[in-house]
């Protein structure tokens, strides 16, 4: 039985950073790389394909740094406020 792939839906996924990174917040995963037990994602800015970086895919699970999908600042603030009210 083959091993279950970690982060199976990573490739092509879209993310919003809570902090600007190289001037941008919206990114898409264009490549994934397995390095032993680690999975890395190559991110590219949605508005500037020259802005690229690799990130440990586990960091994308940190909701204080990343939101799945492309979110507006207002949507991110509303999500944050809902989390605080809970």
C-alpha atoms as a PDB file:
ATOM      1  CA  UNK A   1       0.000   0.000   0.000  1.00  0.00           C
ATOM      2  CA  UNK A   2       1.557   3.364  -1.026  1.00  0.00           C
ATOM      3  CA  UNK A   3       2.225   5.982   1.637  1.00  0.00           C
ATOM      4  CA  UNK A   4      -0.357   8.732   1.939  1.00  0.00           C
ATOM      5  CA  UNK A   5       0.927  11.934   0.338  1.00  0.00           C
ATOM      6  CA  UNK A   6       1.284  14.886   2.718  1.00  0.00           C
ATOM      7  CA  UNK A   7      -0.487  18.037   1.531  1.00  0.00           C
ATOM      8  CA  UNK A   8      -2.157  16.373  -1.488  1.00  0.00           C
ATOM      9  CA  UNK A   9      -3.936  19.551  -2.640  1.00  0.00           C
ATOM     10  CA  UNK A  10      -0.941  21.866  -2.280  1.00  0.00           C
ATOM     11  CA  UNK A  11      -0.090  22.325  -5.958  1.00  0.00           C
ATOM     12  CA  UNK A  12      -2.122  25.172  -7.450  1.00  0.00           C
ATOM     13  CA  UNK A  13      -3.526  26.264  -4.089  1.00  0.00           C
ATOM     14  CA  UNK A  14      -3.905  29.988  -3.352  1.00  0.00           C
ATOM     15  CA  UNK A  15      -2.895  31.715  -0.131  1.00  0.00           C
ATOM     16  CA  UNK A  16      -3.078  35.127   1.515  1.00  0.00           C
ATOM     17  CA  UNK A  17      -0.320  36.247   3.844  1.00  0.00           C
ATOM     18  CA  UNK A  18      -1.285  38.333   6.885  1.00  0.00           C
ATOM     19  CA  UNK A  19       1.907  40.362   6.370  1.00  0.00           C
ATOM     20  CA  UNK A  20       3.159  41.725   3.079  1.00  0.00           C
ATOM     21  CA  UNK A  21       5.992  39.664   1.659  1.00  0.00           C
ATOM     22  CA  UNK A  22       8.129  41.461  -0.910  1.00  0.00           C
ATOM     23  CA  UNK A  23       5.258  43.924  -1.256  1.00  0.00           C
ATOM     24  CA  UNK A  24       2.504  41.337  -1.862  1.00  0.00           C
ATOM     25  CA  UNK A  25      -0.057  39.319   0.108  1.00  0.00           C
ATOM     26  CA  UNK A  26      -1.563  36.942  -2.482  1.00  0.00           C
ATOM     27  CA  UNK A  27       0.384  33.881  -3.590  1.00  0.00           C
ATOM     28  CA  UNK A  28      -0.118  30.601  -5.410  1.00  0.00           C
ATOM     29  CA  UNK A  29       1.782  27.331  -5.034  1.00  0.00           C
ATOM     30  CA  UNK A  30       3.411  26.491  -8.373  1.00  0.00           C
ATOM     31  CA  UNK A  31       5.768  23.665  -7.346  1.00  0.00           C
ATOM     32  CA  UNK A  32       6.059  21.242  -4.456  1.00  0.00           C
ATOM     33  CA  UNK A  33       9.149  19.387  -3.326  1.00  0.00           C
ATOM     34  CA  UNK A  34       9.500  16.496  -0.895  1.00  0.00           C
ATOM     35  CA  UNK A  35      12.725  16.511   1.120  1.00  0.00           C
ATOM     36  CA  UNK A  36      12.674  13.501   3.418  1.00  0.00           C
ATOM     37  CA  UNK A  37       9.863  14.063   5.912  1.00  0.00           C
ATOM     38  CA  UNK A  38       9.471  17.726   4.879  1.00  0.00           C
ATOM     39  CA  UNK A  39       7.276  19.154   2.131  1.00  0.00           C
ATOM     40  CA  UNK A  40       8.147  22.511   0.591  1.00  0.00           C
ATOM     41  CA  UNK A  41       6.032  24.750  -1.612  1.00  0.00           C
ATOM     42  CA  UNK A  42       7.307  27.250  -4.150  1.00  0.00           C
ATOM     43  CA  UNK A  43       5.123  30.320  -3.874  1.00  0.00           C
ATOM     44  CA  UNK A  44       4.697  32.977  -6.558  1.00  0.00           C
ATOM     45  CA  UNK A  45       3.015  36.352  -6.056  1.00  0.00           C
ATOM     46  CA  UNK A  46      -0.247  36.557  -7.974  1.00  0.00           C
ATOM     47  CA  UNK A  47       0.532  40.047  -9.314  1.00  0.00           C
ATOM     48  CA  UNK A  48       4.272  39.651  -9.929  1.00  0.00           C
ATOM     49  CA  UNK A  49       5.614  36.334 -11.230  1.00  0.00           C
ATOM     50  CA  UNK A  50       9.169  37.479 -10.450  1.00  0.00           C
ATOM     51  CA  UNK A  51       8.423  37.277  -6.706  1.00  0.00           C
ATOM     52  CA  UNK A  52       9.039  33.626  -5.780  1.00  0.00           C
ATOM     53  CA  UNK A  53      10.149  31.836  -2.641  1.00  0.00           C
ATOM     54  CA  UNK A  54      10.130  28.387  -1.037  1.00  0.00           C
ATOM     55  CA  UNK A  55       8.322  27.760   2.239  1.00  0.00           C
ATOM     56  CA  UNK A  56       7.854  24.734   4.466  1.00  0.00           C
ATOM     57  CA  UNK A  57       4.265  23.678   3.689  1.00  0.00           C
ATOM     58  CA  UNK A  58       3.558  23.210   7.407  1.00  0.00           C
ATOM     59  CA  UNK A  59       3.831  26.976   7.875  1.00  0.00           C
ATOM     60  CA  UNK A  60       0.773  27.428   5.658  1.00  0.00           C
ATOM     61  CA  UNK A  61      -1.306  25.767   8.391  1.00  0.00           C
ATOM     62  CA  UNK A  62      -0.514  28.642  10.790  1.00  0.00           C
ATOM     63  CA  UNK A  63      -3.697  30.753  10.587  1.00  0.00           C
ATOM     64  CA  UNK A  64      -1.945  33.671  12.302  1.00  0.00           C
ATOM     65  CA  UNK A  65       0.323  33.951   9.220  1.00  0.00           C
ATOM     66  CA  UNK A  66      -1.634  32.482   6.274  1.00  0.00           C
ATOM     67  CA  UNK A  67      -5.244  32.157   5.094  1.00  0.00           C
ATOM     68  CA  UNK A  68      -6.273  29.645   2.455  1.00  0.00           C
ATOM     69  CA  UNK A  69      -7.547  31.313  -0.715  1.00  0.00           C
ATOM     70  CA  UNK A  70      -7.167  34.915  -1.731  1.00  0.00           C
ATOM     71  CA  UNK A  71      -8.736  37.091   0.942  1.00  0.00           C
ATOM     72  CA  UNK A  72      -9.272  40.850   1.026  1.00  0.00           C
ATOM     73  CA  UNK A  73      -8.005  42.780   4.045  1.00  0.00           C
ATOM     74  CA  UNK A  74     -11.621  43.201   5.160  1.00  0.00           C
ATOM     75  CA  UNK A  75     -12.291  39.452   4.927  1.00  0.00           C
ATOM     76  CA  UNK A  76      -9.117  38.713   6.887  1.00  0.00           C
ATOM     77  CA  UNK A  77     -10.098  41.199   9.587  1.00  0.00           C
ATOM     78  CA  UNK A  78     -13.601  39.703   9.859  1.00  0.00           C
ATOM     79  CA  UNK A  79     -12.162  36.191  10.136  1.00  0.00           C
ATOM     80  CA  UNK A  80      -9.733  37.375  12.807  1.00  0.00           C
ATOM     81  CA  UNK A  81     -12.531  39.096  14.797  1.00  0.00           C
ATOM     82  CA  UNK A  82     -14.711  35.959  14.624  1.00  0.00           C
ATOM     83  CA  UNK A  83     -11.833  33.904  15.998  1.00  0.00           C
ATOM     84  CA  UNK A  84     -11.388  36.354  18.877  1.00  0.00           C
ATOM     85  CA  UNK A  85     -15.115  36.244  19.733  1.00  0.00           C
ATOM     86  CA  UNK A  86     -15.138  32.435  19.901  1.00  0.00           C
END
